[in-house]
């Protein structure tokens, strides 16, 4: 489990963050006004402690890794 806190960057009306993640399922929550929250309209799950978090399922193909590695030449 990784407890990573990163600030979002403002992009017009939106806020975003760019992370390079290996394939896997990630659970995440956002902090709003000092409180941990999840977005109910997005996929989410409850863990064994009863905490709800959003889910992000990342699939990285070998072709995508090849393009990513070689785009920085």
PDB file of N, CA and C in Angstrom:
ATOM      1  N   UNK A   1       0.851  -1.183   0.000  1.00  0.00           N
ATOM      2  CA  UNK A   1       0.000   0.000   0.000  1.00  0.00           C
ATOM      3  C   UNK A   1       0.888   1.234   0.000  1.00  0.00           C
ATOM      4  N   UNK A   2       0.561   2.173  -0.826  1.00  0.00           N
ATOM      5  CA  UNK A   2       1.333   3.411  -0.936  1.00  0.00           C
ATOM      6  C   UNK A   2       0.431   4.583  -0.565  1.00  0.00           C
ATOM      7  N   UNK A   3       0.878   5.380   0.357  1.00  0.00           N
ATOM      8  CA  UNK A   3       0.123   6.587   0.720  1.00  0.00           C
ATOM      9  C   UNK A   3       0.824   7.774   0.079  1.00  0.00           C
ATOM     10  N   UNK A   4       0.473   8.035  -1.151  1.00  0.00           N
ATOM     11  CA  UNK A   4       1.087   9.099  -1.928  1.00  0.00           C
ATOM     12  C   UNK A   4       0.179  10.315  -1.926  1.00  0.00           C
ATOM     13  N   UNK A   5       0.711  11.453  -1.539  1.00  0.00           N
ATOM     14  CA  UNK A   5      -0.058  12.698  -1.602  1.00  0.00           C
ATOM     15  C   UNK A   5       0.603  13.618  -2.603  1.00  0.00           C
ATOM     16  N   UNK A   6      -0.140  13.932  -3.635  1.00  0.00           N
ATOM     17  CA  UNK A   6       0.359  14.828  -4.676  1.00  0.00           C
ATOM     18  C   UNK A   6      -0.717  15.862  -4.952  1.00  0.00           C
ATOM     19  N   UNK A   7      -0.294  17.089  -5.144  1.00  0.00           N
ATOM     20  CA  UNK A   7      -1.248  18.144  -5.464  1.00  0.00           C
ATOM     21  C   UNK A   7      -1.673  18.081  -6.918  1.00  0.00           C
ATOM     22  N   UNK A   8      -2.891  18.506  -7.173  1.00  0.00           N
ATOM     23  CA  UNK A   8      -3.398  18.561  -8.538  1.00  0.00           C
ATOM     24  C   UNK A   8      -2.988  19.875  -9.187  1.00  0.00           C
ATOM     25  N   UNK A   9      -2.760  19.833 -10.477  1.00  0.00           N
ATOM     26  CA  UNK A   9      -2.435  21.025 -11.248  1.00  0.00           C
ATOM     27  C   UNK A   9      -3.712  21.568 -11.861  1.00  0.00           C
ATOM     28  N   UNK A  10      -3.877  22.860 -11.840  1.00  0.00           N
ATOM     29  CA  UNK A  10      -5.059  23.466 -12.459  1.00  0.00           C
ATOM     30  C   UNK A  10      -4.845  23.563 -13.967  1.00  0.00           C
ATOM     31  N   UNK A  11      -5.860  23.153 -14.713  1.00  0.00           N
ATOM     32  CA  UNK A  11      -5.824  23.198 -16.174  1.00  0.00           C
ATOM     33  C   UNK A  11      -7.163  23.745 -16.642  1.00  0.00           C
ATOM     34  N   UNK A  12      -7.260  25.056 -16.769  1.00  0.00           N
ATOM     35  CA  UNK A  12      -8.543  25.679 -17.099  1.00  0.00           C
ATOM     36  C   UNK A  12      -9.486  25.543 -15.928  1.00  0.00           C
ATOM     37  N   UNK A  13     -10.660  24.952 -16.167  1.00  0.00           N
ATOM     38  CA  UNK A  13     -11.628  24.727 -15.093  1.00  0.00           C
ATOM     39  C   UNK A  13     -11.353  23.424 -14.351  1.00  0.00           C
ATOM     40  N   UNK A  14     -10.489  22.572 -14.914  1.00  0.00           N
ATOM     41  CA  UNK A  14     -10.235  21.247 -14.350  1.00  0.00           C
ATOM     42  C   UNK A  14      -8.969  21.226 -13.503  1.00  0.00           C
ATOM     43  N   UNK A  15      -8.834  20.168 -12.755  1.00  0.00           N
ATOM     44  CA  UNK A  15      -7.610  19.873 -12.009  1.00  0.00           C
ATOM     45  C   UNK A  15      -7.149  18.487 -12.431  1.00  0.00           C
ATOM     46  N   UNK A  16      -5.836  18.298 -12.569  1.00  0.00           N
ATOM     47  CA  UNK A  16      -5.327  17.026 -13.069  1.00  0.00           C
ATOM     48  C   UNK A  16      -3.988  16.697 -12.427  1.00  0.00           C
ATOM     49  N   UNK A  17      -3.630  15.422 -12.544  1.00  0.00           N
ATOM     50  CA  UNK A  17      -2.316  14.961 -12.110  1.00  0.00           C
ATOM     51  C   UNK A  17      -1.868  13.897 -13.108  1.00  0.00           C
ATOM     52  N   UNK A  18      -0.597  13.867 -13.419  1.00  0.00           N
ATOM     53  CA  UNK A  18      -0.053  12.874 -14.339  1.00  0.00           C
ATOM     54  C   UNK A  18       0.872  11.957 -13.550  1.00  0.00           C
ATOM     55  N   UNK A  19       0.543  10.679 -13.557  1.00  0.00           N
ATOM     56  CA  UNK A  19       1.359   9.667 -12.891  1.00  0.00           C
ATOM     57  C   UNK A  19       1.659   8.558 -13.878  1.00  0.00           C
ATOM     58  N   UNK A  20       2.862   8.019 -13.838  1.00  0.00           N
ATOM     59  CA  UNK A  20       3.212   6.848 -14.638  1.00  0.00           C
ATOM     60  C   UNK A  20       3.088   5.651 -13.707  1.00  0.00           C
ATOM     61  N   UNK A  21       2.126   4.784 -14.019  1.00  0.00           N
ATOM     62  CA  UNK A  21       1.815   3.656 -13.143  1.00  0.00           C
ATOM     63  C   UNK A  21       1.974   2.338 -13.884  1.00  0.00           C
ATOM     64  N   UNK A  22       2.510   1.328 -13.221  1.00  0.00           N
ATOM     65  CA  UNK A  22       2.519  -0.003 -13.831  1.00  0.00           C
ATOM     66  C   UNK A  22       1.109  -0.584 -13.824  1.00  0.00           C
ATOM     67  N   UNK A  23       0.892  -1.630 -14.598  1.00  0.00           N
ATOM     68  CA  UNK A  23      -0.414  -2.281 -14.636  1.00  0.00           C
ATOM     69  C   UNK A  23      -0.831  -2.702 -13.235  1.00  0.00           C
ATOM     70  N   UNK A  24      -2.128  -2.591 -12.975  1.00  0.00           N
ATOM     71  CA  UNK A  24      -2.660  -3.004 -11.681  1.00  0.00           C
ATOM     72  C   UNK A  24      -3.929  -2.253 -11.360  1.00  0.00           C
ATOM     73  N   UNK A  25      -4.533  -2.607 -10.240  1.00  0.00           N
ATOM     74  CA  UNK A  25      -5.733  -1.930  -9.768  1.00  0.00           C
ATOM     75  C   UNK A  25      -5.313  -1.024  -8.614  1.00  0.00           C
ATOM     76  N   UNK A  26      -5.683   0.234  -8.708  1.00  0.00           N
ATOM     77  CA  UNK A  26      -5.310   1.231  -7.711  1.00  0.00           C
ATOM     78  C   UNK A  26      -6.560   1.771  -7.032  1.00  0.00           C
ATOM     79  N   UNK A  27      -6.468   1.949  -5.728  1.00  0.00           N
ATOM     80  CA  UNK A  27      -7.532   2.562  -4.934  1.00  0.00           C
ATOM     81  C   UNK A  27      -7.071   3.973  -4.604  1.00  0.00           C
ATOM     82  N   UNK A  28      -7.954   4.944  -4.779  1.00  0.00           N
ATOM     83  CA  UNK A  28      -7.560   6.317  -4.484  1.00  0.00           C
ATOM     84  C   UNK A  28      -8.726   7.112  -3.928  1.00  0.00           C
ATOM     85  N   UNK A  29      -8.395   8.146  -3.173  1.00  0.00           N
ATOM     86  CA  UNK A  29      -9.379   9.109  -2.675  1.00  0.00           C
ATOM     87  C   UNK A  29      -8.776  10.490  -2.870  1.00  0.00           C
ATOM     88  N   UNK A  30      -9.620  11.480  -2.827  1.00  0.00           N
ATOM     89  CA  UNK A  30      -9.156  12.855  -2.970  1.00  0.00           C
ATOM     90  C   UNK A  30      -9.409  13.588  -1.652  1.00  0.00           C
ATOM     91  N   UNK A  31      -8.639  14.622  -1.420  1.00  0.00           N
ATOM     92  CA  UNK A  31      -8.811  15.435  -0.223  1.00  0.00           C
ATOM     93  C   UNK A  31      -9.500  16.727  -0.639  1.00  0.00           C
ATOM     94  N   UNK A  32     -10.666  16.983  -0.047  1.00  0.00           N
ATOM     95  CA  UNK A  32     -11.429  18.200  -0.307  1.00  0.00           C
ATOM     96  C   UNK A  32     -11.676  18.879   1.029  1.00  0.00           C
ATOM     97  N   UNK A  33     -11.209  20.110   1.147  1.00  0.00           N
ATOM     98  CA  UNK A  33     -11.368  20.856   2.401  1.00  0.00           C
ATOM     99  C   UNK A  33     -10.886  20.056   3.602  1.00  0.00           C
ATOM    100  N   UNK A  34      -9.762  19.343   3.423  1.00  0.00           N
ATOM    101  CA  UNK A  34      -9.151  18.598   4.521  1.00  0.00           C
ATOM    102  C   UNK A  34      -9.774  17.246   4.811  1.00  0.00           C
ATOM    103  N   UNK A  35     -10.784  16.824   4.053  1.00  0.00           N
ATOM    104  CA  UNK A  35     -11.447  15.543   4.278  1.00  0.00           C
ATOM    105  C   UNK A  35     -11.216  14.597   3.106  1.00  0.00           C
ATOM    106  N   UNK A  36     -10.925  13.314   3.427  1.00  0.00           N
ATOM    107  CA  UNK A  36     -10.786  12.300   2.388  1.00  0.00           C
ATOM    108  C   UNK A  36     -12.164  11.973   1.820  1.00  0.00           C
ATOM    109  N   UNK A  37     -12.254  11.985   0.493  1.00  0.00           N
ATOM    110  CA  UNK A  37     -13.521  11.710  -0.184  1.00  0.00           C
ATOM    111  C   UNK A  37     -13.282  10.814  -1.387  1.00  0.00           C
ATOM    112  N   UNK A  38     -14.363  10.240  -1.877  1.00  0.00           N
ATOM    113  CA  UNK A  38     -14.317   9.502  -3.137  1.00  0.00           C
ATOM    114  C   UNK A  38     -15.387  10.094  -4.051  1.00  0.00           C
ATOM    115  N   UNK A  39     -15.323   9.756  -5.333  1.00  0.00           N
ATOM    116  CA  UNK A  39     -16.277  10.272  -6.314  1.00  0.00           C
ATOM    117  C   UNK A  39     -17.286   9.156  -6.587  1.00  0.00           C
ATOM    118  N   UNK A  40     -18.524   9.278  -6.081  1.00  0.00           N
ATOM    119  CA  UNK A  40     -19.491   8.184  -6.193  1.00  0.00           C
ATOM    120  C   UNK A  40     -19.886   7.836  -7.624  1.00  0.00           C
ATOM    121  N   UNK A  41     -19.728   8.762  -8.575  1.00  0.00           N
ATOM    122  CA  UNK A  41     -20.079   8.486  -9.971  1.00  0.00           C
ATOM    123  C   UNK A  41     -19.043   7.620 -10.684  1.00  0.00           C
ATOM    124  N   UNK A  42     -17.874   7.447 -10.085  1.00  0.00           N
ATOM    125  CA  UNK A  42     -16.809   6.631 -10.675  1.00  0.00           C
ATOM    126  C   UNK A  42     -16.750   5.280  -9.968  1.00  0.00           C
ATOM    127  N   UNK A  43     -16.114   4.273 -10.607  1.00  0.00           N
ATOM    128  CA  UNK A  43     -16.007   2.967  -9.951  1.00  0.00           C
ATOM    129  C   UNK A  43     -15.369   3.114  -8.556  1.00  0.00           C
ATOM    130  N   UNK A  44     -15.945   2.398  -7.581  1.00  0.00           N
ATOM    131  CA  UNK A  44     -15.432   2.466  -6.219  1.00  0.00           C
ATOM    132  C   UNK A  44     -15.699   1.151  -5.496  1.00  0.00           C
ATOM    133  N   UNK A  45     -14.995   0.958  -4.380  1.00  0.00           N
ATOM    134  CA  UNK A  45     -15.140  -0.266  -3.587  1.00  0.00           C
ATOM    135  C   UNK A  45     -14.908   0.071  -2.124  1.00  0.00           C
ATOM    136  N   UNK A  46     -15.428  -0.796  -1.263  1.00  0.00           N
ATOM    137  CA  UNK A  46     -15.246  -0.658   0.177  1.00  0.00           C
ATOM    138  C   UNK A  46     -14.231  -1.701   0.625  1.00  0.00           C
ATOM    139  N   UNK A  47     -13.219  -1.281   1.395  1.00  0.00           N
ATOM    140  CA  UNK A  47     -12.212  -2.225   1.864  1.00  0.00           C
ATOM    141  C   UNK A  47     -12.659  -2.901   3.162  1.00  0.00           C
ATOM    142  N   UNK A  48     -11.795  -3.753   3.702  1.00  0.00           N
ATOM    143  CA  UNK A  48     -12.133  -4.523   4.896  1.00  0.00           C
ATOM    144  C   UNK A  48     -12.335  -3.651   6.144  1.00  0.00           C
ATOM    145  N   UNK A  49     -11.861  -2.406   6.109  1.00  0.00           N
ATOM    146  CA  UNK A  49     -12.058  -1.484   7.225  1.00  0.00           C
ATOM    147  C   UNK A  49     -13.286  -0.594   7.040  1.00  0.00           C
ATOM    148  N   UNK A  50     -14.015  -0.806   5.933  1.00  0.00           N
ATOM    149  CA  UNK A  50     -15.213  -0.019   5.672  1.00  0.00           C
ATOM    150  C   UNK A  50     -14.950   1.306   4.988  1.00  0.00           C
ATOM    151  N   UNK A  51     -13.714   1.531   4.545  1.00  0.00           N
ATOM    152  CA  UNK A  51     -13.378   2.771   3.860  1.00  0.00           C
ATOM    153  C   UNK A  51     -13.658   2.627   2.369  1.00  0.00           C
ATOM    154  N   UNK A  52     -14.325   3.617   1.802  1.00  0.00           N
ATOM    155  CA  UNK A  52     -14.665   3.599   0.375  1.00  0.00           C
ATOM    156  C   UNK A  52     -13.613   4.391  -0.388  1.00  0.00           C
ATOM    157  N   UNK A  53     -13.165   3.837  -1.515  1.00  0.00           N
ATOM    158  CA  UNK A  53     -12.183   4.511  -2.373  1.00  0.00           C
ATOM    159  C   UNK A  53     -12.538   4.245  -3.824  1.00  0.00           C
ATOM    160  N   UNK A  54     -12.150   5.163  -4.691  1.00  0.00           N
ATOM    161  CA  UNK A  54     -12.332   4.967  -6.128  1.00  0.00           C
ATOM    162  C   UNK A  54     -11.322   3.948  -6.621  1.00  0.00           C
ATOM    163  N   UNK A  55     -11.648   3.304  -7.731  1.00  0.00           N
ATOM    164  CA  UNK A  55     -10.783   2.298  -8.339  1.00  0.00           C
ATOM    165  C   UNK A  55     -10.290   2.772  -9.699  1.00  0.00           C
ATOM    166  N   UNK A  56      -9.032   2.507  -9.974  1.00  0.00           N
ATOM    167  CA  UNK A  56      -8.449   2.784 -11.279  1.00  0.00           C
ATOM    168  C   UNK A  56      -7.755   1.509 -11.730  1.00  0.00           C
ATOM    169  N   UNK A  57      -8.219   0.930 -12.838  1.00  0.00           N
ATOM    170  CA  UNK A  57      -7.658  -0.298 -13.372  1.00  0.00           C
ATOM    171  C   UNK A  57      -6.755   0.066 -14.547  1.00  0.00           C
ATOM    172  N   UNK A  58      -5.446  -0.074 -14.369  1.00  0.00           N
ATOM    173  CA  UNK A  58      -4.456   0.330 -15.374  1.00  0.00           C
ATOM    174  C   UNK A  58      -3.964  -0.906 -16.115  1.00  0.00           C
ATOM    175  N   UNK A  59      -4.075  -0.855 -17.442  1.00  0.00           N
ATOM    176  CA  UNK A  59      -3.550  -1.927 -18.297  1.00  0.00           C
ATOM    177  C   UNK A  59      -2.495  -1.304 -19.204  1.00  0.00           C
ATOM    178  N   UNK A  60      -1.277  -1.758 -19.085  1.00  0.00           N
ATOM    179  CA  UNK A  60      -0.192  -1.242 -19.925  1.00  0.00           C
ATOM    180  C   UNK A  60       0.240  -2.363 -20.854  1.00  0.00           C
ATOM    181  N   UNK A  61       0.139  -2.101 -22.152  1.00  0.00           N
ATOM    182  CA  UNK A  61       0.568  -3.108 -23.125  1.00  0.00           C
ATOM    183  C   UNK A  61       2.047  -2.933 -23.429  1.00  0.00           C
ATOM    184  N   UNK A  62       2.655  -3.970 -23.979  1.00  0.00           N
ATOM    185  CA  UNK A  62       4.073  -3.885 -24.364  1.00  0.00           C
ATOM    186  C   UNK A  62       4.280  -2.806 -25.415  1.00  0.00           C
ATOM    187  N   UNK A  63       3.315  -2.628 -26.333  1.00  0.00           N
ATOM    188  CA  UNK A  63       3.427  -1.599 -27.366  1.00  0.00           C
ATOM    189  C   UNK A  63       3.440  -0.206 -26.745  1.00  0.00           C
ATOM    190  N   UNK A  64       2.610   0.018 -25.740  1.00  0.00           N
ATOM    191  CA  UNK A  64       2.563   1.324 -25.084  1.00  0.00           C
ATOM    192  C   UNK A  64       3.870   1.609 -24.364  1.00  0.00           C
ATOM    193  N   UNK A  65       4.443   0.592 -23.710  1.00  0.00           N
ATOM    194  CA  UNK A  65       5.726   0.777 -23.021  1.00  0.00           C
ATOM    195  C   UNK A  65       6.809   1.103 -24.034  1.00  0.00           C
ATOM    196  N   UNK A  66       6.837   0.399 -25.173  1.00  0.00           N
ATOM    197  CA  UNK A  66       7.817   0.665 -26.210  1.00  0.00           C
ATOM    198  C   UNK A  66       7.702   2.091 -26.711  1.00  0.00           C
ATOM    199  N   UNK A  67       6.483   2.544 -26.990  1.00  0.00           N
ATOM    200  CA  UNK A  67       6.290   3.911 -27.473  1.00  0.00           C
ATOM    201  C   UNK A  67       6.701   4.929 -26.423  1.00  0.00           C
ATOM    202  N   UNK A  68       6.363   4.686 -25.168  1.00  0.00           N
ATOM    203  CA  UNK A  68       6.704   5.609 -24.095  1.00  0.00           C
ATOM    204  C   UNK A  68       8.226   5.711 -23.925  1.00  0.00           C
ATOM    205  N   UNK A  69       8.908   4.575 -23.917  1.00  0.00           N
ATOM    206  CA  UNK A  69      10.345   4.575 -23.711  1.00  0.00           C
ATOM    207  C   UNK A  69      11.065   5.262 -24.873  1.00  0.00           C
ATOM    208  N   UNK A  70      10.575   5.082 -26.071  1.00  0.00           N
ATOM    209  CA  UNK A  70      11.272   5.626 -27.239  1.00  0.00           C
ATOM    210  C   UNK A  70      10.817   7.034 -27.615  1.00  0.00           C
ATOM    211  N   UNK A  71       9.784   7.534 -26.988  1.00  0.00           N
ATOM    212  CA  UNK A  71       9.354   8.896 -27.303  1.00  0.00           C
ATOM    213  C   UNK A  71      10.228   9.931 -26.617  1.00  0.00           C
ATOM    214  N   UNK A  72      11.079   9.500 -25.691  1.00  0.00           N
ATOM    215  CA  UNK A  72      11.944  10.419 -24.954  1.00  0.00           C
ATOM    216  C   UNK A  72      13.361  10.476 -25.518  1.00  0.00           C
ATOM    217  N   UNK A  73      13.582   9.954 -26.706  1.00  0.00           N
ATOM    218  CA  UNK A  73      14.946   9.940 -27.286  1.00  0.00           C
ATOM    219  C   UNK A  73      15.386  11.319 -27.702  1.00  0.00           C
TER     220      UNK A  73
END
